[in-house]
Amino acid sequence: MNNRLEEIRKQRGMKQEELAAALEVSRQTIGSLENGRYNPSILLAFKIARFFNMNIEEIFIYEEEDQV
């Protein structure tokens, strides 16, 4: 699953460490999300979307071929 997390975080002028602290996860988790090495749990996806006052679909891009 692709995402716009890094782009959105940088637009808000935040460091990975700051976002991680706000979401109560590690900086490594944020890095892994941004690099596409890790897909968030549904709870974390909602938490991220709520933090940025956005819809999940605005941050995380689901494509059918990702399911395979």
N, C-alpha and C. Protein backbone atom coordinates (compact mmCIF):
# COMPACT_ATOMS: atom_id res chain seq x y z
N MET A 1 0.85 -1.17 0.00
CA MET A 1 0.00 0.00 0.00
C MET A 1 0.90 1.24 0.00
N ASN A 2 0.63 2.14 -0.90
CA ASN A 2 1.37 3.39 -0.95
C ASN A 2 0.73 4.40 0.01
N ASN A 3 1.51 5.42 0.36
CA ASN A 3 0.95 6.45 1.21
C ASN A 3 1.64 7.79 0.98
N ARG A 4 1.01 8.83 1.48
CA ARG A 4 1.53 10.20 1.35
C ARG A 4 2.01 10.73 2.70
N LEU A 5 2.29 9.83 3.63
CA LEU A 5 2.61 10.24 4.99
C LEU A 5 3.81 11.19 5.05
N GLU A 6 4.89 10.84 4.38
CA GLU A 6 6.09 11.69 4.41
C GLU A 6 5.78 13.08 3.84
N GLU A 7 5.10 13.11 2.72
CA GLU A 7 4.73 14.38 2.09
C GLU A 7 3.89 15.26 3.03
N ILE A 8 2.89 14.66 3.64
CA ILE A 8 1.99 15.39 4.54
C ILE A 8 2.75 15.87 5.78
N ARG A 9 3.57 14.98 6.33
CA ARG A 9 4.35 15.35 7.53
C ARG A 9 5.26 16.53 7.22
N LYS A 10 5.95 16.50 6.09
CA LYS A 10 6.86 17.59 5.73
C LYS A 10 6.11 18.88 5.45
N GLN A 11 4.92 18.78 4.84
CA GLN A 11 4.11 19.98 4.60
C GLN A 11 3.75 20.66 5.91
N ARG A 12 3.61 19.86 6.96
CA ARG A 12 3.26 20.41 8.29
C ARG A 12 4.50 20.83 9.07
N GLY A 13 5.67 20.64 8.47
CA GLY A 13 6.91 21.04 9.13
C GLY A 13 7.28 20.19 10.32
N MET A 14 6.92 18.92 10.27
CA MET A 14 7.18 18.01 11.40
C MET A 14 8.33 17.08 11.08
N LYS A 15 9.07 16.72 12.13
CA LYS A 15 10.09 15.68 12.03
C LYS A 15 9.44 14.34 12.34
N GLN A 16 10.08 13.27 11.90
CA GLN A 16 9.57 11.92 12.21
C GLN A 16 9.41 11.73 13.71
N GLU A 17 10.36 12.23 14.47
CA GLU A 17 10.32 12.07 15.93
C GLU A 17 9.10 12.75 16.53
N GLU A 18 8.75 13.92 16.01
CA GLU A 18 7.60 14.66 16.52
C GLU A 18 6.29 13.93 16.22
N LEU A 19 6.17 13.42 15.00
CA LEU A 19 4.97 12.67 14.64
C LEU A 19 4.88 11.39 15.46
N ALA A 20 5.99 10.72 15.61
CA ALA A 20 6.02 9.48 16.41
C ALA A 20 5.55 9.75 17.84
N ALA A 21 6.03 10.82 18.44
CA ALA A 21 5.64 11.15 19.81
C ALA A 21 4.14 11.45 19.88
N ALA A 22 3.63 12.18 18.90
CA ALA A 22 2.20 12.53 18.89
C ALA A 22 1.31 11.30 18.74
N LEU A 23 1.80 10.31 18.00
CA LEU A 23 1.02 9.10 17.74
C LEU A 23 1.34 7.98 18.72
N GLU A 24 2.32 8.21 19.59
CA GLU A 24 2.75 7.22 20.59
C GLU A 24 3.27 5.94 19.94
N VAL A 25 4.10 6.14 18.89
CA VAL A 25 4.79 5.02 18.24
C VAL A 25 6.27 5.41 18.16
N SER A 26 7.11 4.49 17.68
CA SER A 26 8.53 4.80 17.56
C SER A 26 8.81 5.55 16.27
N ARG A 27 9.95 6.24 16.23
CA ARG A 27 10.37 6.92 15.01
C ARG A 27 10.58 5.90 13.91
N GLN A 28 11.05 4.71 14.28
CA GLN A 28 11.27 3.65 13.30
C GLN A 28 9.96 3.23 12.64
N THR A 29 8.88 3.23 13.39
CA THR A 29 7.56 2.91 12.83
C THR A 29 7.18 3.93 11.77
N ILE A 30 7.39 5.21 12.06
CA ILE A 30 7.07 6.26 11.09
C ILE A 30 7.93 6.09 9.84
N GLY A 31 9.22 5.83 10.02
CA GLY A 31 10.11 5.62 8.88
C GLY A 31 9.68 4.43 8.04
N SER A 32 9.30 3.36 8.69
CA SER A 32 8.86 2.16 7.97
C SER A 32 7.56 2.41 7.21
N LEU A 33 6.65 3.16 7.81
CA LEU A 33 5.41 3.52 7.13
C LEU A 33 5.71 4.35 5.89
N GLU A 34 6.55 5.35 6.06
CA GLU A 34 6.87 6.26 4.96
C GLU A 34 7.58 5.55 3.81
N ASN A 35 8.38 4.56 4.13
CA ASN A 35 9.13 3.83 3.11
C ASN A 35 8.35 2.65 2.53
N GLY A 36 7.14 2.43 3.02
CA GLY A 36 6.32 1.34 2.51
C GLY A 36 6.73 -0.04 2.97
N ARG A 37 7.57 -0.11 4.00
CA ARG A 37 7.99 -1.42 4.52
C ARG A 37 6.97 -2.00 5.49
N TYR A 38 6.03 -1.15 5.91
CA TYR A 38 5.08 -1.54 6.94
C TYR A 38 3.74 -0.89 6.64
N ASN A 39 2.67 -1.67 6.69
CA ASN A 39 1.32 -1.13 6.56
C ASN A 39 0.74 -0.99 7.96
N PRO A 40 0.10 0.13 8.23
CA PRO A 40 -0.41 0.36 9.59
C PRO A 40 -1.61 -0.51 9.90
N SER A 41 -1.80 -0.76 11.18
CA SER A 41 -3.05 -1.38 11.61
C SER A 41 -4.17 -0.39 11.32
N ILE A 42 -5.38 -0.86 11.30
CA ILE A 42 -6.51 0.03 11.03
C ILE A 42 -6.59 1.10 12.13
N LEU A 43 -6.28 0.73 13.36
CA LEU A 43 -6.32 1.70 14.45
C LEU A 43 -5.27 2.80 14.25
N LEU A 44 -4.06 2.41 13.85
CA LEU A 44 -3.01 3.40 13.62
C LEU A 44 -3.36 4.27 12.42
N ALA A 45 -3.93 3.69 11.38
CA ALA A 45 -4.33 4.46 10.21
C ALA A 45 -5.36 5.52 10.60
N PHE A 46 -6.35 5.14 11.42
CA PHE A 46 -7.34 6.10 11.89
C PHE A 46 -6.69 7.18 12.75
N LYS A 47 -5.76 6.78 13.60
CA LYS A 47 -5.08 7.73 14.48
C LYS A 47 -4.30 8.77 13.66
N ILE A 48 -3.60 8.31 12.62
CA ILE A 48 -2.84 9.20 11.75
C ILE A 48 -3.79 10.15 11.03
N ALA A 49 -4.86 9.60 10.46
CA ALA A 49 -5.82 10.43 9.73
C ALA A 49 -6.44 11.48 10.65
N ARG A 50 -6.82 11.07 11.84
CA ARG A 50 -7.42 11.99 12.79
C ARG A 50 -6.42 13.08 13.21
N PHE A 51 -5.17 12.69 13.40
CA PHE A 51 -4.14 13.65 13.79
C PHE A 51 -4.00 14.75 12.74
N PHE A 52 -4.01 14.37 11.47
CA PHE A 52 -3.86 15.33 10.38
C PHE A 52 -5.19 15.92 9.92
N ASN A 53 -6.29 15.52 10.57
CA ASN A 53 -7.62 16.00 10.22
C ASN A 53 -7.93 15.71 8.74
N MET A 54 -7.66 14.47 8.34
CA MET A 54 -7.86 14.03 6.96
C MET A 54 -8.59 12.69 6.98
N ASN A 55 -9.05 12.27 5.81
CA ASN A 55 -9.61 10.93 5.66
C ASN A 55 -8.46 9.95 5.42
N ILE A 56 -8.65 8.72 5.83
CA ILE A 56 -7.63 7.69 5.62
C ILE A 56 -7.25 7.61 4.14
N GLU A 57 -8.25 7.70 3.26
CA GLU A 57 -8.01 7.58 1.82
C GLU A 57 -7.16 8.72 1.26
N GLU A 58 -7.08 9.83 1.96
CA GLU A 58 -6.24 10.95 1.53
C GLU A 58 -4.77 10.69 1.84
N ILE A 59 -4.50 9.78 2.76
CA ILE A 59 -3.14 9.48 3.20
C ILE A 59 -2.65 8.16 2.62
N PHE A 60 -3.49 7.14 2.73
CA PHE A 60 -3.12 5.80 2.31
C PHE A 60 -3.81 5.44 1.01
N ILE A 61 -3.03 5.00 0.02
CA ILE A 61 -3.55 4.70 -1.31
C ILE A 61 -3.61 3.19 -1.49
N TYR A 62 -4.82 2.68 -1.56
CA TYR A 62 -5.02 1.25 -1.75
C TYR A 62 -5.24 0.98 -3.23
N GLU A 63 -4.53 0.02 -3.76
CA GLU A 63 -4.72 -0.42 -5.14
C GLU A 63 -4.91 -1.91 -5.14
N GLU A 64 -5.83 -2.38 -5.97
CA GLU A 64 -6.19 -3.81 -6.01
C GLU A 64 -4.98 -4.72 -6.10
N GLU A 65 -4.00 -4.38 -6.94
CA GLU A 65 -2.85 -5.27 -7.11
C GLU A 65 -1.99 -5.38 -5.85
N ASP A 66 -2.19 -4.44 -4.90
CA ASP A 66 -1.46 -4.52 -3.62
C ASP A 66 -1.91 -5.73 -2.81
N GLN A 67 -3.11 -6.22 -3.06
CA GLN A 67 -3.68 -7.31 -2.29
C GLN A 67 -2.92 -8.62 -2.49
N VAL A 68 -2.30 -8.81 -3.63
CA VAL A 68 -1.66 -10.09 -3.98
C VAL A 68 -0.51 -10.42 -3.09
